[in-house]
All heavy atoms as atom14 arrays in JSON, in Angstrom:
{
  "sequence": "DIVQVIRTGCFGFCEKGPIVKMVPDNTFYVQVKPTDAEDIVREHLVK",
  "atom14_mask": [
    [1, 1, 1, 1, 1, 1, 1, 1, 0, 0, 0, 0, 0, 0],
    [1, 1, 1, 1, 1, 1, 1, 1, 0, 0, 0, 0, 0, 0],
    [1, 1, 1, 1, 1, 1, 1, 0, 0, 0, 0, 0, 0, 0],
    [1, 1, 1, 1, 1, 1, 1, 1, 1, 0, 0, 0, 0, 0],
    [1, 1, 1, 1, 1, 1, 1, 0, 0, 0, 0, 0, 0, 0],
    [1, 1, 1, 1, 1, 1, 1, 1, 0, 0, 0, 0, 0, 0],
    [1, 1, 1, 1, 1, 1, 1, 1, 1, 1, 1, 0, 0, 0],
    [1, 1, 1, 1, 1, 1, 1, 0, 0, 0, 0, 0, 0, 0],
    [1, 1, 1, 1, 0, 0, 0, 0, 0, 0, 0, 0, 0, 0],
    [1, 1, 1, 1, 1, 1, 0, 0, 0, 0, 0, 0, 0, 0],
    [1, 1, 1, 1, 1, 1, 1, 1, 1, 1, 1, 0, 0, 0],
    [1, 1, 1, 1, 0, 0, 0, 0, 0, 0, 0, 0, 0, 0],
    [1, 1, 1, 1, 1, 1, 1, 1, 1, 1, 1, 0, 0, 0],
    [1, 1, 1, 1, 1, 1, 0, 0, 0, 0, 0, 0, 0, 0],
    [1, 1, 1, 1, 1, 1, 1, 1, 1, 0, 0, 0, 0, 0],
    [1, 1, 1, 1, 1, 1, 1, 1, 1, 0, 0, 0, 0, 0],
    [1, 1, 1, 1, 0, 0, 0, 0, 0, 0, 0, 0, 0, 0],
    [1, 1, 1, 1, 1, 1, 1, 0, 0, 0, 0, 0, 0, 0],
    [1, 1, 1, 1, 1, 1, 1, 1, 0, 0, 0, 0, 0, 0],
    [1, 1, 1, 1, 1, 1, 1, 0, 0, 0, 0, 0, 0, 0],
    [1, 1, 1, 1, 1, 1, 1, 1, 1, 0, 0, 0, 0, 0],
    [1, 1, 1, 1, 1, 1, 1, 1, 0, 0, 0, 0, 0, 0],
    [1, 1, 1, 1, 1, 1, 1, 0, 0, 0, 0, 0, 0, 0],
    [1, 1, 1, 1, 1, 1, 1, 0, 0, 0, 0, 0, 0, 0],
    [1, 1, 1, 1, 1, 1, 1, 1, 0, 0, 0, 0, 0, 0],
    [1, 1, 1, 1, 1, 1, 1, 1, 0, 0, 0, 0, 0, 0],
    [1, 1, 1, 1, 1, 1, 1, 0, 0, 0, 0, 0, 0, 0],
    [1, 1, 1, 1, 1, 1, 1, 1, 1, 1, 1, 0, 0, 0],
    [1, 1, 1, 1, 1, 1, 1, 1, 1, 1, 1, 1, 0, 0],
    [1, 1, 1, 1, 1, 1, 1, 0, 0, 0, 0, 0, 0, 0],
    [1, 1, 1, 1, 1, 1, 1, 1, 1, 0, 0, 0, 0, 0],
    [1, 1, 1, 1, 1, 1, 1, 0, 0, 0, 0, 0, 0, 0],
    [1, 1, 1, 1, 1, 1, 1, 1, 1, 0, 0, 0, 0, 0],
    [1, 1, 1, 1, 1, 1, 1, 0, 0, 0, 0, 0, 0, 0],
    [1, 1, 1, 1, 1, 1, 1, 0, 0, 0, 0, 0, 0, 0],
    [1, 1, 1, 1, 1, 1, 1, 1, 0, 0, 0, 0, 0, 0],
    [1, 1, 1, 1, 1, 0, 0, 0, 0, 0, 0, 0, 0, 0],
    [1, 1, 1, 1, 1, 1, 1, 1, 1, 0, 0, 0, 0, 0],
    [1, 1, 1, 1, 1, 1, 1, 1, 0, 0, 0, 0, 0, 0],
    [1, 1, 1, 1, 1, 1, 1, 1, 0, 0, 0, 0, 0, 0],
    [1, 1, 1, 1, 1, 1, 1, 0, 0, 0, 0, 0, 0, 0],
    [1, 1, 1, 1, 1, 1, 1, 1, 1, 1, 1, 0, 0, 0],
    [1, 1, 1, 1, 1, 1, 1, 1, 1, 0, 0, 0, 0, 0],
    [1, 1, 1, 1, 1, 1, 1, 1, 1, 1, 0, 0, 0, 0],
    [1, 1, 1, 1, 1, 1, 1, 1, 0, 0, 0, 0, 0, 0],
    [1, 1, 1, 1, 1, 1, 1, 0, 0, 0, 0, 0, 0, 0],
    [1, 1, 1, 1, 1, 1, 1, 1, 1, 0, 0, 0, 0, 0]
  ],
  "atom14_positions": [
    [[0.4, 19.74, -31.59], [0.8, 20.93, -32.12], [1.24, 20.86, -33.7], [1.24, 21.8, -34.35], [1.98, 21.47, -31.33], [1.56, 21.91, -29.96], [0.31, 22.16, -29.77], [2.39, 22.03, -29.11], [0.0, 0.0, 0.0], [0.0, 0.0, 0.0], [0.0, 0.0, 0.0], [0.0, 0.0, 0.0], [0.0, 0.0, 0.0], [0.0, 0.0, 0.0]],
    [[1.41, 19.69, -34.12], [1.82, 19.51, -35.52], [0.96, 18.61, -36.37], [1.07, 18.53, -37.53], [3.33, 19.04, -35.61], [3.51, 17.72, -35.0], [4.31, 20.09, -35.09], [4.83, 17.06, -35.24], [0.0, 0.0, 0.0], [0.0, 0.0, 0.0], [0.0, 0.0, 0.0], [0.0, 0.0, 0.0], [0.0, 0.0, 0.0], [0.0, 0.0, 0.0]],
    [[0.03, 17.84, -35.68], [-0.85, 17.0, -36.4], [-2.33, 17.32, -36.1], [-2.72, 17.42, -34.85], [-0.61, 15.48, -36.04], [-1.59, 14.55, -36.72], [0.82, 15.15, -36.42], [0.0, 0.0, 0.0], [0.0, 0.0, 0.0], [0.0, 0.0, 0.0], [0.0, 0.0, 0.0], [0.0, 0.0, 0.0], [0.0, 0.0, 0.0], [0.0, 0.0, 0.0]],
    [[-3.13, 17.44, -37.05], [-4.53, 17.77, -36.8], [-5.44, 16.61, -37.27], [-5.18, 16.11, -38.53], [-5.01, 19.06, -37.48], [-6.45, 19.43, -37.15], [-6.72, 20.75, -37.82], [-6.31, 21.18, -38.82], [-7.75, 21.53, -37.16], [0.0, 0.0, 0.0], [0.0, 0.0, 0.0], [0.0, 0.0, 0.0], [0.0, 0.0, 0.0], [0.0, 0.0, 0.0]],
    [[-6.47, 16.1, -36.54], [-7.27, 15.1, -36.97], [-8.58, 15.78, -37.34], [-9.15, 16.55, -36.53], [-7.46, 14.05, -35.77], [-8.46, 12.92, -36.24], [-6.18, 13.52, -35.3], [0.0, 0.0, 0.0], [0.0, 0.0, 0.0], [0.0, 0.0, 0.0], [0.0, 0.0, 0.0], [0.0, 0.0, 0.0], [0.0, 0.0, 0.0], [0.0, 0.0, 0.0]],
    [[-9.06, 15.38, -38.47], [-10.21, 16.17, -39.12], [-11.21, 15.12, -39.68], [-10.96, 14.21, -40.3], [-9.8, 17.05, -40.27], [-8.8, 18.06, -39.84], [-11.06, 17.65, -40.87], [-8.18, 18.78, -40.97], [0.0, 0.0, 0.0], [0.0, 0.0, 0.0], [0.0, 0.0, 0.0], [0.0, 0.0, 0.0], [0.0, 0.0, 0.0], [0.0, 0.0, 0.0]],
    [[-12.5, 15.32, -39.28], [-13.56, 14.53, -39.92], [-13.88, 15.14, -41.23], [-14.03, 16.35, -41.4], [-14.93, 14.58, -39.03], [-16.04, 13.88, -39.66], [-17.36, 14.09, -38.95], [-17.3, 13.9, -37.5], [-17.34, 14.85, -36.59], [-17.37, 16.09, -36.92], [-17.24, 14.55, -35.26], [0.0, 0.0, 0.0], [0.0, 0.0, 0.0], [0.0, 0.0, 0.0]],
    [[-14.07, 14.36, -42.35], [-14.39, 14.88, -43.56], [-15.65, 14.22, -44.12], [-16.31, 13.52, -43.42], [-13.26, 14.36, -44.7], [-13.35, 12.89, -44.78], [-11.79, 14.77, -44.22], [0.0, 0.0, 0.0], [0.0, 0.0, 0.0], [0.0, 0.0, 0.0], [0.0, 0.0, 0.0], [0.0, 0.0, 0.0], [0.0, 0.0, 0.0], [0.0, 0.0, 0.0]],
    [[-16.0, 14.55, -45.34], [-17.22, 13.97, -45.93], [-16.72, 12.62, -46.52], [-15.58, 12.1, -46.27], [0.0, 0.0, 0.0], [0.0, 0.0, 0.0], [0.0, 0.0, 0.0], [0.0, 0.0, 0.0], [0.0, 0.0, 0.0], [0.0, 0.0, 0.0], [0.0, 0.0, 0.0], [0.0, 0.0, 0.0], [0.0, 0.0, 0.0], [0.0, 0.0, 0.0]],
    [[-17.62, 12.0, -47.25], [-17.34, 10.69, -47.83], [-16.21, 10.81, -48.89], [-16.22, 11.72, -49.66], [-18.72, 10.26, -48.46], [-18.54, 8.59, -49.3], [0.0, 0.0, 0.0], [0.0, 0.0, 0.0], [0.0, 0.0, 0.0], [0.0, 0.0, 0.0], [0.0, 0.0, 0.0], [0.0, 0.0, 0.0], [0.0, 0.0, 0.0], [0.0, 0.0, 0.0]],
    [[-15.36, 9.78, -48.84], [-14.23, 9.67, -49.74], [-14.82, 8.88, -51.02], [-14.1, 8.92, -52.02], [-13.11, 8.86, -49.22], [-12.28, 9.58, -48.26], [-12.3, 9.29, -46.97], [-11.52, 10.73, -48.61], [-11.51, 9.92, -45.96], [-10.85, 11.41, -47.69], [-10.77, 11.06, -46.4], [0.0, 0.0, 0.0], [0.0, 0.0, 0.0], [0.0, 0.0, 0.0]],
    [[-16.0, 8.31, -51.06], [-16.57, 7.75, -52.3], [-16.05, 6.27, -52.41], [-16.13, 5.77, -53.54], [0.0, 0.0, 0.0], [0.0, 0.0, 0.0], [0.0, 0.0, 0.0], [0.0, 0.0, 0.0], [0.0, 0.0, 0.0], [0.0, 0.0, 0.0], [0.0, 0.0, 0.0], [0.0, 0.0, 0.0], [0.0, 0.0, 0.0], [0.0, 0.0, 0.0]],
    [[-15.59, 5.67, -51.38], [-15.08, 4.29, -51.53], [-15.64, 3.5, -50.37], [-15.03, 2.78, -49.53], [-13.57, 4.2, -51.48], [-12.93, 3.08, -52.11], [-13.46, 2.32, -53.04], [-11.69, 2.63, -51.58], [-12.88, 1.25, -53.68], [-11.05, 1.48, -52.09], [-11.68, 0.8, -53.06], [0.0, 0.0, 0.0], [0.0, 0.0, 0.0], [0.0, 0.0, 0.0]],
    [[-17.05, 3.51, -50.18], [-17.69, 3.1, -48.99], [-17.47, 1.61, -48.75], [-17.4, 1.22, -47.58], [-19.13, 3.35, -49.11], [-19.61, 5.15, -49.31], [0.0, 0.0, 0.0], [0.0, 0.0, 0.0], [0.0, 0.0, 0.0], [0.0, 0.0, 0.0], [0.0, 0.0, 0.0], [0.0, 0.0, 0.0], [0.0, 0.0, 0.0], [0.0, 0.0, 0.0]],
    [[-17.24, 0.79, -49.69], [-17.15, -0.69, -49.48], [-15.85, -0.9, -48.64], [-15.68, -2.07, -48.12], [-17.18, -1.46, -50.81], [-15.93, -1.4, -51.66], [-16.03, -2.21, -52.83], [-16.7, -1.79, -53.73], [-15.24, -3.25, -52.74], [0.0, 0.0, 0.0], [0.0, 0.0, 0.0], [0.0, 0.0, 0.0], [0.0, 0.0, 0.0], [0.0, 0.0, 0.0]],
    [[-14.86, -0.01, -48.66], [-13.68, -0.24, -47.94], [-13.59, 0.56, -46.71], [-12.45, 0.71, -46.19], [-12.45, 0.05, -48.9], [-12.37, -0.97, -50.02], [-11.94, -2.31, -49.45], [-11.84, -3.29, -50.61], [-11.48, -4.63, -50.09], [0.0, 0.0, 0.0], [0.0, 0.0, 0.0], [0.0, 0.0, 0.0], [0.0, 0.0, 0.0], [0.0, 0.0, 0.0]],
    [[-14.56, 1.21, -46.38], [-14.62, 1.98, -45.15], [-14.58, 1.27, -43.85], [-14.84, 0.06, -43.91], [0.0, 0.0, 0.0], [0.0, 0.0, 0.0], [0.0, 0.0, 0.0], [0.0, 0.0, 0.0], [0.0, 0.0, 0.0], [0.0, 0.0, 0.0], [0.0, 0.0, 0.0], [0.0, 0.0, 0.0], [0.0, 0.0, 0.0], [0.0, 0.0, 0.0]],
    [[-14.35, 1.93, -42.81], [-13.96, 3.29, -42.57], [-12.59, 3.61, -43.3], [-11.73, 2.82, -43.23], [-13.92, 3.45, -41.13], [-14.72, 2.37, -40.54], [-14.63, 1.22, -41.5], [0.0, 0.0, 0.0], [0.0, 0.0, 0.0], [0.0, 0.0, 0.0], [0.0, 0.0, 0.0], [0.0, 0.0, 0.0], [0.0, 0.0, 0.0], [0.0, 0.0, 0.0]],
    [[-12.53, 4.83, -43.76], [-11.29, 5.25, -44.55], [-10.58, 6.29, -43.61], [-11.27, 7.15, -43.06], [-11.72, 5.95, -45.83], [-12.5, 5.02, -46.73], [-10.5, 6.45, -46.6], [-11.77, 3.86, -47.33], [0.0, 0.0, 0.0], [0.0, 0.0, 0.0], [0.0, 0.0, 0.0], [0.0, 0.0, 0.0], [0.0, 0.0, 0.0], [0.0, 0.0, 0.0]],
    [[-9.23, 6.23, -43.65], [-8.45, 7.26, -42.98], [-7.4, 7.59, -44.05], [-6.7, 6.73, -44.54], [-7.81, 6.74, -41.65], [-6.76, 7.73, -41.19], [-8.85, 6.41, -40.69], [0.0, 0.0, 0.0], [0.0, 0.0, 0.0], [0.0, 0.0, 0.0], [0.0, 0.0, 0.0], [0.0, 0.0, 0.0], [0.0, 0.0, 0.0], [0.0, 0.0, 0.0]],
    [[-7.27, 8.9, -44.34], [-6.23, 9.39, -45.24], [-5.26, 10.28, -44.51], [-5.61, 11.07, -43.77], [-6.94, 10.14, -46.41], [-5.95, 10.62, -47.41], [-6.61, 11.34, -48.51], [-5.62, 11.9, -49.47], [-6.13, 12.79, -50.5], [0.0, 0.0, 0.0], [0.0, 0.0, 0.0], [0.0, 0.0, 0.0], [0.0, 0.0, 0.0], [0.0, 0.0, 0.0]],
    [[-4.01, 10.0, -44.84], [-2.92, 10.78, -44.22], [-2.4, 11.81, -45.24], [-2.2, 11.5, -46.31], [-1.78, 9.87, -43.84], [-2.17, 8.64, -42.94], [-2.79, 9.09, -41.35], [-1.35, 9.5, -40.51], [0.0, 0.0, 0.0], [0.0, 0.0, 0.0], [0.0, 0.0, 0.0], [0.0, 0.0, 0.0], [0.0, 0.0, 0.0], [0.0, 0.0, 0.0]],
    [[-2.28, 13.08, -44.76], [-1.9, 14.2, -45.62], [-0.58, 14.77, -45.01], [-0.62, 14.96, -43.65], [-2.96, 15.14, -45.83], [-2.43, 16.43, -46.59], [-4.22, 14.56, -46.53], [0.0, 0.0, 0.0], [0.0, 0.0, 0.0], [0.0, 0.0, 0.0], [0.0, 0.0, 0.0], [0.0, 0.0, 0.0], [0.0, 0.0, 0.0], [0.0, 0.0, 0.0]],
    [[0.5, 15.02, -45.57], [0.62, 15.26, -47.03], [1.02, 14.06, -47.85], [1.08, 14.18, -49.02], [1.65, 16.36, -47.02], [2.61, 16.03, -45.98], [1.66, 15.5, -44.88], [0.0, 0.0, 0.0], [0.0, 0.0, 0.0], [0.0, 0.0, 0.0], [0.0, 0.0, 0.0], [0.0, 0.0, 0.0], [0.0, 0.0, 0.0], [0.0, 0.0, 0.0]],
    [[1.33, 12.97, -47.31], [1.84, 11.89, -48.14], [0.86, 11.01, -48.81], [1.23, 10.09, -49.54], [2.83, 10.98, -47.28], [2.13, 10.04, -46.28], [0.9, 10.31, -46.11], [2.8, 9.23, -45.76], [0.0, 0.0, 0.0], [0.0, 0.0, 0.0], [0.0, 0.0, 0.0], [0.0, 0.0, 0.0], [0.0, 0.0, 0.0], [0.0, 0.0, 0.0]],
    [[-0.36, 11.36, -48.65], [-1.58, 10.79, -49.44], [-1.71, 9.26, -49.2], [-2.05, 8.48, -50.12], [-1.31, 11.01, -50.89], [-2.7, 10.92, -51.65], [-3.71, 11.06, -51.2], [-2.59, 10.57, -52.98], [0.0, 0.0, 0.0], [0.0, 0.0, 0.0], [0.0, 0.0, 0.0], [0.0, 0.0, 0.0], [0.0, 0.0, 0.0], [0.0, 0.0, 0.0]],
    [[-1.3, 8.76, -47.98], [-1.48, 7.34, -47.61], [-3.1, 7.15, -47.36], [-3.61, 8.02, -46.75], [-0.63, 6.94, -46.42], [0.66, 7.13, -46.71], [-0.91, 5.64, -46.02], [0.0, 0.0, 0.0], [0.0, 0.0, 0.0], [0.0, 0.0, 0.0], [0.0, 0.0, 0.0], [0.0, 0.0, 0.0], [0.0, 0.0, 0.0], [0.0, 0.0, 0.0]],
    [[-3.56, 5.99, -47.89], [-4.94, 5.75, -47.87], [-5.13, 4.46, -47.04], [-4.83, 3.38, -47.53], [-5.45, 5.61, -49.29], [-6.9, 5.58, -49.53], [-7.71, 6.63, -49.24], [-7.46, 4.35, -50.0], [-9.09, 6.52, -49.51], [-8.84, 4.24, -50.24], [-9.64, 5.33, -50.01], [0.0, 0.0, 0.0], [0.0, 0.0, 0.0], [0.0, 0.0, 0.0]],
    [[-5.72, 4.52, -45.88], [-6.0, 3.4, -45.05], [-7.35, 2.97, -45.09], [-8.26, 3.84, -45.1], [-5.63, 3.64, -43.65], [-4.12, 3.74, -43.36], [-3.55, 4.89, -42.76], [-3.18, 2.76, -43.74], [-2.2, 5.03, -42.47], [-1.83, 2.89, -43.54], [-1.37, 4.04, -42.93], [-0.04, 4.07, -42.61], [0.0, 0.0, 0.0], [0.0, 0.0, 0.0]],
    [[-7.65, 1.66, -45.3], [-8.98, 1.16, -45.51], [-9.42, 0.17, -44.43], [-8.55, -0.43, -43.73], [-9.14, 0.52, -46.88], [-9.02, 1.44, -48.01], [-8.3, -0.67, -47.01], [0.0, 0.0, 0.0], [0.0, 0.0, 0.0], [0.0, 0.0, 0.0], [0.0, 0.0, 0.0], [0.0, 0.0, 0.0], [0.0, 0.0, 0.0], [0.0, 0.0, 0.0]],
    [[-10.8, -0.03, -44.18], [-11.31, -0.76, -43.2], [-10.65, -0.76, -41.9], [-10.28, -1.61, -41.2], [-11.15, -2.35, -43.79], [-11.98, -2.43, -45.01], [-11.98, -3.77, -45.63], [-10.93, -4.42, -45.73], [-13.09, -4.4, -46.15], [0.0, 0.0, 0.0], [0.0, 0.0, 0.0], [0.0, 0.0, 0.0], [0.0, 0.0, 0.0], [0.0, 0.0, 0.0]],
    [[-10.52, 0.55, -41.5], [-9.88, 0.95, -40.24], [-10.82, 0.6, -39.17], [-12.08, 0.87, -39.22], [-9.43, 2.44, -40.21], [-8.84, 2.78, -38.84], [-8.5, 2.66, -41.3], [0.0, 0.0, 0.0], [0.0, 0.0, 0.0], [0.0, 0.0, 0.0], [0.0, 0.0, 0.0], [0.0, 0.0, 0.0], [0.0, 0.0, 0.0], [0.0, 0.0, 0.0]],
    [[-10.33, 0.11, -37.97], [-11.12, -0.14, -36.85], [-10.66, 0.81, -35.72], [-9.52, 1.35, -35.68], [-10.85, -1.6, -36.31], [-11.41, -2.61, -37.24], [-11.16, -4.01, -36.81], [-11.68, -5.05, -37.79], [-11.63, -4.83, -39.16], [0.0, 0.0, 0.0], [0.0, 0.0, 0.0], [0.0, 0.0, 0.0], [0.0, 0.0, 0.0], [0.0, 0.0, 0.0]],
    [[-11.49, 1.08, -34.7], [-11.04, 1.96, -33.63], [-9.76, 1.53, -32.95], [-8.92, 2.35, -32.59], [-12.17, 1.89, -32.7], [-13.39, 1.6, -33.52], [-12.9, 0.64, -34.59], [0.0, 0.0, 0.0], [0.0, 0.0, 0.0], [0.0, 0.0, 0.0], [0.0, 0.0, 0.0], [0.0, 0.0, 0.0], [0.0, 0.0, 0.0], [0.0, 0.0, 0.0]],
    [[-9.48, 0.23, -32.91], [-8.14, -0.2, -32.21], [-7.08, 0.07, -33.07], [-5.86, -0.1, -32.66], [-8.34, -1.72, -31.88], [-8.76, -2.43, -33.18], [-9.47, -1.98, -30.77], [0.0, 0.0, 0.0], [0.0, 0.0, 0.0], [0.0, 0.0, 0.0], [0.0, 0.0, 0.0], [0.0, 0.0, 0.0], [0.0, 0.0, 0.0], [0.0, 0.0, 0.0]],
    [[-7.2, 0.4, -34.41], [-6.0, 0.76, -35.28], [-5.45, 2.15, -35.04], [-4.38, 2.43, -35.61], [-6.51, 0.59, -36.76], [-6.85, -0.82, -37.1], [-6.17, -1.8, -36.59], [-7.86, -0.99, -37.87], [0.0, 0.0, 0.0], [0.0, 0.0, 0.0], [0.0, 0.0, 0.0], [0.0, 0.0, 0.0], [0.0, 0.0, 0.0], [0.0, 0.0, 0.0]],
    [[-6.08, 3.05, -34.37], [-5.73, 4.34, -34.24], [-4.33, 4.41, -33.61], [-3.53, 5.2, -34.13], [-6.74, 5.08, -33.26], [0.0, 0.0, 0.0], [0.0, 0.0, 0.0], [0.0, 0.0, 0.0], [0.0, 0.0, 0.0], [0.0, 0.0, 0.0], [0.0, 0.0, 0.0], [0.0, 0.0, 0.0], [0.0, 0.0, 0.0], [0.0, 0.0, 0.0]],
    [[-4.0, 3.76, -32.56], [-2.76, 3.81, -31.94], [-1.63, 3.46, -32.93], [-0.56, 4.05, -32.97], [-2.67, 2.98, -30.64], [-1.36, 2.97, -30.03], [-0.84, 4.31, -29.39], [-1.67, 5.15, -29.09], [0.33, 4.56, -29.43], [0.0, 0.0, 0.0], [0.0, 0.0, 0.0], [0.0, 0.0, 0.0], [0.0, 0.0, 0.0], [0.0, 0.0, 0.0]],
    [[-1.85, 2.27, -33.73], [-0.93, 1.89, -34.67], [-0.62, 2.91, -35.78], [0.48, 3.17, -36.12], [-1.32, 0.55, -35.35], [-1.15, -0.62, -34.47], [-0.49, -0.54, -33.41], [-1.82, -1.74, -34.81], [0.0, 0.0, 0.0], [0.0, 0.0, 0.0], [0.0, 0.0, 0.0], [0.0, 0.0, 0.0], [0.0, 0.0, 0.0], [0.0, 0.0, 0.0]],
    [[-1.72, 3.5, -36.2], [-1.6, 4.59, -37.24], [-0.65, 5.68, -36.67], [0.26, 6.09, -37.42], [-2.93, 5.08, -37.65], [-3.7, 3.94, -38.49], [-2.82, 6.32, -38.56], [-5.16, 4.27, -38.76], [0.0, 0.0, 0.0], [0.0, 0.0, 0.0], [0.0, 0.0, 0.0], [0.0, 0.0, 0.0], [0.0, 0.0, 0.0], [0.0, 0.0, 0.0]],
    [[-0.97, 6.16, -35.55], [-0.16, 7.37, -35.03], [1.28, 6.87, -34.72], [2.18, 7.51, -35.13], [-0.96, 7.93, -33.79], [0.04, 8.98, -33.06], [-2.15, 8.56, -34.16], [0.0, 0.0, 0.0], [0.0, 0.0, 0.0], [0.0, 0.0, 0.0], [0.0, 0.0, 0.0], [0.0, 0.0, 0.0], [0.0, 0.0, 0.0], [0.0, 0.0, 0.0]],
    [[1.36, 5.8, -33.99], [2.73, 5.4, -33.61], [3.6, 4.94, -34.77], [4.71, 5.46, -34.97], [2.61, 4.24, -32.64], [4.03, 3.73, -32.13], [3.91, 2.49, -31.17], [3.36, 1.36, -31.93], [2.2, 0.77, -31.73], [1.49, 1.18, -30.7], [1.76, -0.24, -32.42], [0.0, 0.0, 0.0], [0.0, 0.0, 0.0], [0.0, 0.0, 0.0]],
    [[3.04, 4.18, -35.71], [3.85, 3.74, -36.81], [3.99, 4.77, -37.95], [5.16, 5.02, -38.37], [3.26, 2.42, -37.46], [3.23, 1.2, -36.51], [4.66, 0.8, -36.08], [5.56, 0.79, -37.03], [4.89, 0.5, -34.94], [0.0, 0.0, 0.0], [0.0, 0.0, 0.0], [0.0, 0.0, 0.0], [0.0, 0.0, 0.0], [0.0, 0.0, 0.0]],
    [[2.92, 5.31, -38.31], [2.93, 6.33, -39.39], [3.59, 7.71, -39.06], [4.55, 8.13, -39.78], [1.6, 6.51, -40.07], [1.55, 7.16, -41.26], [1.19, 6.6, -42.55], [1.79, 8.46, -41.76], [1.39, 7.37, -43.48], [1.68, 8.59, -43.03], [0.0, 0.0, 0.0], [0.0, 0.0, 0.0], [0.0, 0.0, 0.0], [0.0, 0.0, 0.0]],
    [[3.13, 8.28, -37.94], [3.59, 9.55, -37.65], [4.85, 9.53, -36.75], [5.73, 10.29, -37.06], [2.51, 10.24, -36.89], [1.23, 10.57, -37.7], [0.18, 11.16, -36.88], [1.53, 11.46, -38.9], [0.0, 0.0, 0.0], [0.0, 0.0, 0.0], [0.0, 0.0, 0.0], [0.0, 0.0, 0.0], [0.0, 0.0, 0.0], [0.0, 0.0, 0.0]],
    [[4.98, 8.66, -35.85], [6.14, 8.65, -34.92], [7.38, 7.93, -35.6], [8.44, 8.42, -35.63], [5.79, 7.97, -33.61], [7.03, 7.93, -32.7], [4.76, 8.79, -32.92], [0.0, 0.0, 0.0], [0.0, 0.0, 0.0], [0.0, 0.0, 0.0], [0.0, 0.0, 0.0], [0.0, 0.0, 0.0], [0.0, 0.0, 0.0], [0.0, 0.0, 0.0]],
    [[7.06, 6.67, -36.16], [8.16, 6.01, -36.78], [8.38, 6.1, -38.16], [9.35, 5.66, -38.76], [7.99, 4.49, -36.4], [7.98, 4.19, -34.94], [7.83, 2.71, -34.67], [7.79, 2.44, -33.12], [7.68, 1.01, -32.86], [0.0, 0.0, 0.0], [0.0, 0.0, 0.0], [0.0, 0.0, 0.0], [0.0, 0.0, 0.0], [0.0, 0.0, 0.0]]
  ]
}
């Protein structure tokens, strides 16, 4: 209800992809793997 996950276009930094950007704090995660999703949500959003 408070967090939306959105597919975007290219961020222009392909060599460091996959890229995940957190808004509104503008955190830029690089070389993300599918297994990192839980850590991103738990650590960044919850903690």
